[in-house]
Amino acid sequence: MSHILIVEDEEKIASLLADYLAKAGYQTTIMHEGTEVVSTVKNQHFDLILLDLMLPGKDGLTICREIQEFSNIAIIMVTARVDEIDRLLGLELGADDYICKPFSPREVVARVKTILRRINPPLTTGINTNIAKQSQTTTVELNTDNYQATINQHPVELTAIEFNLLNILASAPGRIYSRSQLIDRVYQDNRVVSERTIDSHIKKLRKKLNAIESDNELVQSVYSVGYKLVLT
């Protein structure tokens, strides 16, 4: 049973999250202020932290920074602040994802499941691929040796840039990548590339994926931030 630490100063929200996570089969611990979070993480085992940004005692970004100094535990930042700089700073500090208030508890549970699946993927055999990302209904398989991609076992023809973009997004489903982060990873020769170029490639990638998975928007945009892959 995975153990989730909920750090949230609003008691009703914390209790609601704990109830939904418990129904999904997770053990939970709740903390309402930030002062003791780092020492608690040092002394207890947790698989993932739901970490509010605005906390009494010590703020979420400071806690995230301090935890990353000694642990690679998965962290989902929970915040009502949608400023781009806060989002990017959180990701640079090692946060795996962001959830903005108000949110659906079911969405939080889905995000938790996605990240924990990535951390502890199920054992698979007979898959001749470098990357295989799965959820209940969507499977993305990427072979970086020959740049072949399949969605739910259906081949999809991608350009090298489209393949690399999908490869980056699939390496951490649910994580938000800014346009600048995608540029740095796709174009490693330091060429000058505009953010509109990334938008254009993402648009073409989406069109090809949607032709196969018409019911699900796999590559989703996050307003003023960037893109993420959502496996539903």
Protein backbone atom coordinates (compact mmCIF):
# COMPACT_ATOMS: atom_id res chain seq x y z
CA MET A 1 0.00 0.00 0.00
CA SER A 2 1.53 3.30 -1.09
CA HIS A 3 1.77 5.99 1.59
CA ILE A 4 0.78 9.54 0.60
CA LEU A 5 1.70 12.59 2.68
CA ILE A 6 -0.91 15.36 2.36
CA VAL A 7 0.43 18.78 3.38
CA GLU A 8 -2.55 21.13 3.27
CA ASP A 9 -3.54 23.87 5.71
CA GLU A 10 -7.24 23.81 4.77
CA GLU A 11 -8.60 20.97 6.89
CA LYS A 12 -11.66 20.28 4.75
CA ILE A 13 -9.56 19.94 1.59
CA ALA A 14 -7.05 17.71 3.36
CA SER A 15 -9.78 15.44 4.72
CA LEU A 16 -11.48 15.25 1.32
CA LEU A 17 -8.24 14.25 -0.38
CA ALA A 18 -7.52 11.68 2.31
CA ASP A 19 -11.00 10.14 1.88
CA TYR A 20 -10.66 9.82 -1.90
CA LEU A 21 -7.13 8.43 -1.68
CA ALA A 22 -8.19 5.93 0.99
CA LYS A 23 -11.02 4.72 -1.26
CA ALA A 24 -8.41 4.25 -4.00
CA GLY A 25 -6.38 2.03 -1.68
CA TYR A 26 -3.74 4.45 -0.40
CA GLN A 27 -2.53 5.08 3.15
CA THR A 28 -2.46 8.77 4.02
CA THR A 29 -0.93 11.10 6.58
CA ILE A 30 -2.08 14.72 6.93
CA MET A 31 -0.04 17.72 8.02
CA HIS A 32 -1.56 21.22 8.21
CA GLU A 33 1.58 23.39 8.43
CA GLY A 34 5.04 23.35 6.92
CA THR A 35 7.49 23.57 9.80
CA GLU A 36 7.85 19.84 10.51
CA VAL A 37 7.36 18.47 7.00
CA VAL A 38 11.03 18.02 6.11
CA SER A 39 11.90 16.26 9.38
CA THR A 40 8.83 14.04 9.01
CA VAL A 41 9.88 13.00 5.50
CA LYS A 42 13.35 12.21 6.82
CA ASN A 43 11.99 9.96 9.57
CA GLN A 44 9.06 8.24 7.81
CA HIS A 45 8.60 6.52 4.48
CA PHE A 46 6.28 8.13 1.97
CA ASP A 47 5.80 7.28 -1.70
CA LEU A 48 4.43 10.67 -2.75
CA ILE A 49 3.72 14.12 -1.27
CA LEU A 50 0.75 16.34 -2.09
CA LEU A 51 2.29 19.65 -1.12
CA ASP A 52 0.34 22.90 -0.85
CA LEU A 53 2.26 25.98 -1.94
CA MET A 54 0.96 28.43 0.67
CA LEU A 55 1.48 27.00 4.15
CA PRO A 56 1.89 28.45 7.63
CA GLY A 57 5.35 28.02 9.10
CA LYS A 58 7.21 27.24 5.87
CA ASP A 59 6.05 27.58 2.27
CA GLY A 60 5.78 24.71 -0.18
CA LEU A 61 8.59 25.81 -2.52
CA THR A 62 11.05 25.99 0.37
CA ILE A 63 9.92 22.55 1.57
CA CYS A 64 10.27 21.14 -1.96
CA ARG A 65 13.78 22.57 -2.27
CA GLU A 66 14.89 21.14 1.08
CA ILE A 67 13.41 17.69 0.41
CA GLN A 68 15.13 17.50 -2.99
CA GLU A 69 18.48 17.88 -1.22
CA PHE A 70 18.18 14.40 0.32
CA SER A 71 15.30 12.58 -1.41
CA ASN A 72 13.86 11.92 -4.87
CA ILE A 73 10.34 11.34 -3.55
CA ALA A 74 7.57 12.28 -5.97
CA ILE A 75 5.97 15.66 -5.22
CA ILE A 76 2.74 17.12 -6.59
CA MET A 77 2.41 20.82 -5.84
CA VAL A 78 -1.12 21.96 -4.96
CA THR A 79 -1.72 25.67 -5.34
CA ALA A 80 -4.21 28.44 -6.01
CA ARG A 81 -1.40 30.55 -7.51
CA VAL A 82 -1.24 30.09 -11.26
CA ASP A 83 1.70 32.40 -11.92
CA GLU A 84 3.98 30.95 -14.56
CA ILE A 85 7.13 31.73 -12.56
CA ASP A 86 5.85 29.75 -9.58
CA ARG A 87 4.99 26.78 -11.78
CA LEU A 88 8.35 26.73 -13.54
CA LEU A 89 10.26 27.25 -10.31
CA GLY A 90 8.45 24.32 -8.76
CA LEU A 91 9.30 22.07 -11.70
CA GLU A 92 12.94 23.17 -11.68
CA LEU A 93 13.10 22.23 -8.01
CA GLY A 94 11.99 18.73 -8.88
CA ALA A 95 8.21 18.81 -8.46
CA ASP A 96 6.63 16.12 -10.63
CA ASP A 97 3.36 17.89 -11.32
CA TYR A 98 1.04 20.77 -10.44
CA ILE A 99 -2.62 20.77 -9.48
CA CYS A 100 -4.41 24.11 -9.30
CA LYS A 101 -7.28 24.91 -6.95
CA PRO A 102 -10.15 24.43 -7.32
CA PHE A 103 -9.68 20.84 -8.42
CA SER A 104 -11.57 17.58 -8.64
CA PRO A 105 -10.47 15.02 -6.00
CA ARG A 106 -10.85 12.35 -8.68
CA GLU A 107 -8.33 14.21 -10.84
CA VAL A 108 -5.90 14.29 -7.91
CA VAL A 109 -6.25 10.53 -7.44
CA ALA A 110 -5.70 10.01 -11.18
CA ARG A 111 -2.54 12.15 -11.10
CA VAL A 112 -1.26 10.23 -8.06
CA LYS A 113 -1.87 6.90 -9.81
CA THR A 114 -0.08 8.08 -12.95
CA ILE A 115 3.03 9.21 -11.10
CA LEU A 116 3.20 6.12 -8.89
CA ARG A 117 2.84 3.89 -11.97
CA ARG A 118 5.80 5.71 -13.49
CA ILE A 119 7.86 5.26 -10.34
CA ASN A 120 6.86 1.61 -9.88
CA PRO A 121 5.88 0.34 -13.34
CA PRO A 122 4.34 -3.12 -13.68
CA LEU A 123 6.66 -5.87 -14.88
CA THR A 124 6.27 -6.52 -18.60
CA THR A 125 7.75 -9.10 -20.95
CA GLY A 126 8.04 -9.41 -24.69
CA ILE A 127 7.93 -5.68 -25.44
CA ASN A 128 10.73 -4.73 -27.83
CA THR A 129 10.66 -1.04 -27.01
CA ASN A 130 12.75 1.43 -25.07
CA ILE A 131 9.75 3.13 -23.47
CA ALA A 132 6.29 1.80 -22.62
CA LYS A 133 3.84 4.04 -20.75
CA GLN A 134 0.46 2.60 -19.82
CA SER A 135 -2.83 3.43 -18.18
CA GLN A 136 -6.13 1.58 -18.05
CA THR A 137 -7.10 2.51 -21.61
CA THR A 138 -4.06 4.04 -23.34
CA THR A 139 -0.67 2.52 -24.15
CA VAL A 140 2.11 4.55 -25.73
CA GLU A 141 5.13 2.58 -26.98
CA LEU A 142 8.23 4.27 -28.35
CA ASN A 143 11.27 2.60 -29.86
CA THR A 144 14.14 5.08 -29.87
CA ASP A 145 16.31 2.78 -32.00
CA ASN A 146 14.15 3.15 -35.10
CA TYR A 147 11.86 6.06 -34.14
CA GLN A 148 8.76 3.90 -34.34
CA ALA A 149 5.72 4.82 -32.22
CA THR A 150 2.47 3.00 -31.50
CA ILE A 151 -0.66 4.15 -29.67
CA ASN A 152 -2.72 1.23 -28.35
CA GLN A 153 -0.77 -1.00 -30.77
CA HIS A 154 -1.63 1.23 -33.75
CA PRO A 155 1.47 2.58 -35.54
CA VAL A 156 1.71 6.34 -35.96
CA GLU A 157 4.10 7.99 -38.40
CA LEU A 158 6.01 10.81 -36.70
CA THR A 159 8.80 13.10 -37.79
CA ALA A 160 11.99 13.01 -35.74
CA ILE A 161 11.03 16.17 -33.87
CA GLU A 162 7.48 14.94 -33.21
CA PHE A 163 8.89 11.63 -31.95
CA ASN A 164 11.34 13.39 -29.64
CA LEU A 165 8.60 15.64 -28.26
CA LEU A 166 6.39 12.63 -27.52
CA ASN A 167 9.37 10.80 -26.03
CA ILE A 168 10.00 13.68 -23.62
CA LEU A 169 6.34 13.99 -22.60
CA ALA A 170 5.96 10.22 -22.21
CA SER A 171 8.99 10.01 -19.93
CA ALA A 172 6.87 11.63 -17.19
CA PRO A 173 3.13 11.47 -17.94
CA GLY A 174 1.25 14.27 -16.23
CA ARG A 175 4.32 16.45 -15.78
CA ILE A 176 4.11 19.91 -17.34
CA TYR A 177 6.98 20.84 -19.65
CA SER A 178 7.41 24.48 -20.55
CA ARG A 179 8.11 25.42 -24.15
CA SER A 180 11.64 26.47 -23.21
CA GLN A 181 12.28 23.10 -21.57
CA LEU A 182 11.08 21.29 -24.70
CA ILE A 183 13.26 23.52 -26.90
CA ASP A 184 16.34 22.77 -24.78
CA ARG A 185 15.74 19.02 -24.92
CA VAL A 186 14.77 18.71 -28.57
CA TYR A 187 17.31 21.16 -30.03
CA GLN A 188 20.53 20.35 -28.21
CA ASP A 189 22.74 22.16 -30.74
CA ASN A 190 21.78 25.51 -29.14
CA ARG A 191 20.10 26.81 -32.30
CA VAL A 192 17.67 29.69 -31.91
CA VAL A 193 14.10 28.32 -31.97
CA SER A 194 10.95 30.27 -31.20
CA GLU A 195 8.23 29.00 -28.90
CA ARG A 196 5.84 29.17 -31.85
CA THR A 197 7.92 26.49 -33.56
CA ILE A 198 7.27 24.14 -30.64
CA ASP A 199 3.58 25.02 -30.75
CA SER A 200 3.49 24.13 -34.45
CA HIS A 201 5.14 20.74 -33.93
CA ILE A 202 2.86 19.99 -30.97
CA LYS A 203 -0.18 20.85 -33.10
CA LYS A 204 0.92 18.37 -35.78
CA LEU A 205 1.71 15.73 -33.15
CA ARG A 206 -1.71 16.16 -31.56
CA LYS A 207 -3.43 15.79 -34.93
CA LYS A 208 -1.68 12.49 -35.58
CA LEU A 209 -2.41 11.14 -32.09
CA ASN A 210 -6.03 12.27 -32.23
CA ALA A 211 -6.48 10.38 -35.50
CA ILE A 212 -5.88 7.20 -33.51
CA GLU A 213 -7.19 8.20 -30.06
CA SER A 214 -10.08 10.46 -31.02
CA ASP A 215 -11.81 10.16 -27.63
CA ASN A 216 -8.79 11.28 -25.59
CA GLU A 217 -6.66 14.41 -25.87
CA LEU A 218 -3.32 12.80 -25.03
CA VAL A 219 -1.16 15.92 -25.38
CA GLN A 220 -2.77 18.72 -23.42
CA SER A 221 -1.78 22.36 -23.13
CA VAL A 222 -1.61 24.17 -19.80
CA TYR A 223 -2.40 27.84 -20.23
CA SER A 224 0.69 30.08 -20.09
CA VAL A 225 2.89 27.15 -18.99
CA GLY A 226 3.41 24.43 -21.60
CA TYR A 227 2.34 20.88 -22.40
CA LYS A 228 1.83 17.52 -20.75
CA LEU A 229 0.92 13.96 -21.75
CA VAL A 230 -2.24 12.63 -20.08
CA LEU A 231 -2.89 8.89 -20.19
CA THR A 232 -6.53 8.20 -19.34
